[in-house]
Structure formats: C-alpha cells, structure tokens
Amino acid sequence: MSDFLAALGLFFAIEGLFLAAFPGGAKRAMATVLETPDGQLRIAGIVSALFGVLIVWLVRGEAAAAVRVAFPPQSQSLWLGSGRPRSCA
C-alpha cells in the first residue's frame, strides 16, 4: 500500500510541475483531449495502463528477479589499476 501511495504522490508531483512550468501547453492538451473521440481516448488509456503495468512488472516483478539471478551484482574489483591484482589478505 505504501508503494501505491508513493506512486500516487509522484504522479501528482509530476503533474503539478507540468502545470506550473507549461500552463499554456497544459490548457492546449486538455482542449485536445476534449475534442478527441471516446474510442481513441479509451485505446490510449488501455495502452498507457498496459505500459505502466509492464514497467512495474519489469522493475518489481519476476523479470527483475530473473535479471538479478542471471546477472548478479559484481563485487568490488580487486584491481587497483596498476596492472597487477592486489592481495585479498
């Protein structure tokens, strides 16, 4: 639930920044949305929702776990850059 609230807060922060930085562009975008047919808005909404779910799945879900298993984080290199490895002891 806290992730959802964090995402919702981030959405409002980004929307607020957009409205504050580009008020004229936001008005034009809203006017364009009002003129767009319902079918196109519905398709755009479904595509956006699927894209968002895909991003969350890639970042938090099974795909991220599979990537972590396939490519585990590398430990710090034992090389100092002098051309020879340093001692681990």
C-alpha atoms as a PDB file:
ATOM      1  CA  MET A   1       0.000   0.000   0.000  1.00  0.00           C
ATOM      2  CA  SER A   2       2.864   2.383   0.739  1.00  0.00           C
ATOM      3  CA  ASP A   3       4.252   1.830  -2.785  1.00  0.00           C
ATOM      4  CA  PHE A   4       0.867   2.773  -4.238  1.00  0.00           C
ATOM      5  CA  LEU A   5       0.719   5.952  -2.179  1.00  0.00           C
ATOM      6  CA  ALA A   6       4.297   6.823  -3.146  1.00  0.00           C
ATOM      7  CA  ALA A   7       3.430   6.320  -6.824  1.00  0.00           C
ATOM      8  CA  LEU A   8       0.302   8.432  -6.453  1.00  0.00           C
ATOM      9  CA  GLY A   9       2.298  11.198  -4.778  1.00  0.00           C
ATOM     10  CA  LEU A  10       4.898  11.072  -7.540  1.00  0.00           C
ATOM     11  CA  PHE A  11       2.131  11.320 -10.145  1.00  0.00           C
ATOM     12  CA  PHE A  12       0.713  14.443  -8.512  1.00  0.00           C
ATOM     13  CA  ALA A  13       4.178  15.976  -8.152  1.00  0.00           C
ATOM     14  CA  ILE A  14       4.975  15.437 -11.842  1.00  0.00           C
ATOM     15  CA  GLU A  15       1.546  16.699 -12.905  1.00  0.00           C
ATOM     16  CA  GLY A  16       1.950  19.784 -10.705  1.00  0.00           C
ATOM     17  CA  LEU A  17       5.377  20.529 -12.155  1.00  0.00           C
ATOM     18  CA  PHE A  18       3.988  20.172 -15.683  1.00  0.00           C
ATOM     19  CA  LEU A  19       1.086  22.533 -14.944  1.00  0.00           C
ATOM     20  CA  ALA A  20       3.358  25.059 -13.234  1.00  0.00           C
ATOM     21  CA  ALA A  21       6.026  25.017 -15.934  1.00  0.00           C
ATOM     22  CA  PHE A  22       3.762  24.883 -19.014  1.00  0.00           C
ATOM     23  CA  PRO A  23       0.281  26.243 -18.193  1.00  0.00           C
ATOM     24  CA  GLY A  24      -0.468  27.141 -21.817  1.00  0.00           C
ATOM     25  CA  GLY A  25       0.608  23.737 -23.067  1.00  0.00           C
ATOM     26  CA  ALA A  26      -1.486  22.043 -20.383  1.00  0.00           C
ATOM     27  CA  LYS A  27      -4.568  24.026 -21.477  1.00  0.00           C
ATOM     28  CA  ARG A  28      -3.967  23.071 -25.117  1.00  0.00           C
ATOM     29  CA  ALA A  29      -3.509  19.420 -24.158  1.00  0.00           C
ATOM     30  CA  MET A  30      -6.778  19.448 -22.186  1.00  0.00           C
ATOM     31  CA  ALA A  31      -8.609  21.103 -25.092  1.00  0.00           C
ATOM     32  CA  THR A  32      -7.235  18.436 -27.430  1.00  0.00           C
ATOM     33  CA  VAL A  33      -8.430  15.694 -25.090  1.00  0.00           C
ATOM     34  CA  LEU A  34     -11.926  17.215 -25.043  1.00  0.00           C
ATOM     35  CA  GLU A  35     -12.041  17.082 -28.850  1.00  0.00           C
ATOM     36  CA  THR A  36     -10.695  13.512 -29.112  1.00  0.00           C
ATOM     37  CA  PRO A  37     -13.289  10.774 -29.744  1.00  0.00           C
ATOM     38  CA  ASP A  38     -14.054   8.434 -26.850  1.00  0.00           C
ATOM     39  CA  GLY A  39     -12.757   5.382 -28.715  1.00  0.00           C
ATOM     40  CA  GLN A  40      -9.310   6.906 -29.222  1.00  0.00           C
ATOM     41  CA  LEU A  41      -9.134   8.015 -25.586  1.00  0.00           C
ATOM     42  CA  ARG A  42     -10.142   4.534 -24.462  1.00  0.00           C
ATOM     43  CA  ILE A  43      -7.409   2.910 -26.582  1.00  0.00           C
ATOM     44  CA  ALA A  44      -4.818   5.447 -25.380  1.00  0.00           C
ATOM     45  CA  GLY A  45      -5.840   4.746 -21.780  1.00  0.00           C
ATOM     46  CA  ILE A  46      -5.579   0.962 -22.207  1.00  0.00           C
ATOM     47  CA  VAL A  47      -2.173   1.254 -23.898  1.00  0.00           C
ATOM     48  CA  SER A  48      -0.928   3.601 -21.157  1.00  0.00           C
ATOM     49  CA  ALA A  49      -2.187   1.276 -18.415  1.00  0.00           C
ATOM     50  CA  LEU A  50      -0.541  -1.758 -20.029  1.00  0.00           C
ATOM     51  CA  PHE A  51       2.706   0.168 -20.463  1.00  0.00           C
ATOM     52  CA  GLY A  52       2.633   1.178 -16.789  1.00  0.00           C
ATOM     53  CA  VAL A  53       1.953  -2.383 -15.652  1.00  0.00           C
ATOM     54  CA  LEU A  54       4.810  -3.607 -17.859  1.00  0.00           C
ATOM     55  CA  ILE A  55       7.204  -1.099 -16.296  1.00  0.00           C
ATOM     56  CA  VAL A  56       6.181  -2.088 -12.766  1.00  0.00           C
ATOM     57  CA  TRP A  57       6.472  -5.780 -13.664  1.00  0.00           C
ATOM     58  CA  LEU A  58       9.945  -5.252 -15.127  1.00  0.00           C
ATOM     59  CA  VAL A  59      11.155  -3.211 -12.161  1.00  0.00           C
ATOM     60  CA  ARG A  60       9.491  -5.020  -9.249  1.00  0.00           C
ATOM     61  CA  GLY A  61       8.258  -8.355 -10.530  1.00  0.00           C
ATOM     62  CA  GLU A  62       9.509 -11.641 -11.869  1.00  0.00           C
ATOM     63  CA  ALA A  63      11.508 -10.092 -14.684  1.00  0.00           C
ATOM     64  CA  ALA A  64      13.627  -8.114 -12.223  1.00  0.00           C
ATOM     65  CA  ALA A  65      14.221 -11.246 -10.162  1.00  0.00           C
ATOM     66  CA  ALA A  66      15.236 -13.160 -13.281  1.00  0.00           C
ATOM     67  CA  VAL A  67      17.675 -10.401 -14.245  1.00  0.00           C
ATOM     68  CA  ARG A  68      19.159 -10.394 -10.728  1.00  0.00           C
ATOM     69  CA  VAL A  69      19.670 -14.165 -10.935  1.00  0.00           C
ATOM     70  CA  ALA A  70      21.125 -14.025 -14.452  1.00  0.00           C
ATOM     71  CA  PHE A  71      23.336 -11.010 -13.733  1.00  0.00           C
ATOM     72  CA  PRO A  72      24.216 -10.876 -10.036  1.00  0.00           C
ATOM     73  CA  PRO A  73      25.789  -7.662  -8.750  1.00  0.00           C
ATOM     74  CA  GLN A  74      29.532  -7.628  -9.217  1.00  0.00           C
ATOM     75  CA  SER A  75      31.718  -7.429  -6.141  1.00  0.00           C
ATOM     76  CA  GLN A  76      34.289  -4.680  -5.952  1.00  0.00           C
ATOM     77  CA  SER A  77      37.185  -5.253  -8.252  1.00  0.00           C
ATOM     78  CA  LEU A  78      40.475  -6.367  -6.727  1.00  0.00           C
ATOM     79  CA  TRP A  79      42.358  -4.413  -9.367  1.00  0.00           C
ATOM     80  CA  LEU A  80      43.933  -1.103  -8.389  1.00  0.00           C
ATOM     81  CA  GLY A  81      44.625  -0.040 -11.946  1.00  0.00           C
ATOM     82  CA  SER A  82      48.389  -0.549 -11.672  1.00  0.00           C
ATOM     83  CA  GLY A  83      48.291  -3.584 -13.926  1.00  0.00           C
ATOM     84  CA  ARG A  84      48.515  -6.180 -11.197  1.00  0.00           C
ATOM     85  CA  PRO A  85      45.935  -7.515  -8.750  1.00  0.00           C
ATOM     86  CA  ARG A  86      46.187  -6.532  -5.114  1.00  0.00           C
ATOM     87  CA  SER A  87      46.253  -9.083  -2.367  1.00  0.00           C
ATOM     88  CA  CYS A  88      42.958 -10.202  -0.876  1.00  0.00           C
ATOM     89  CA  ALA A  89      44.517 -10.652   2.544  1.00  0.00           C
END
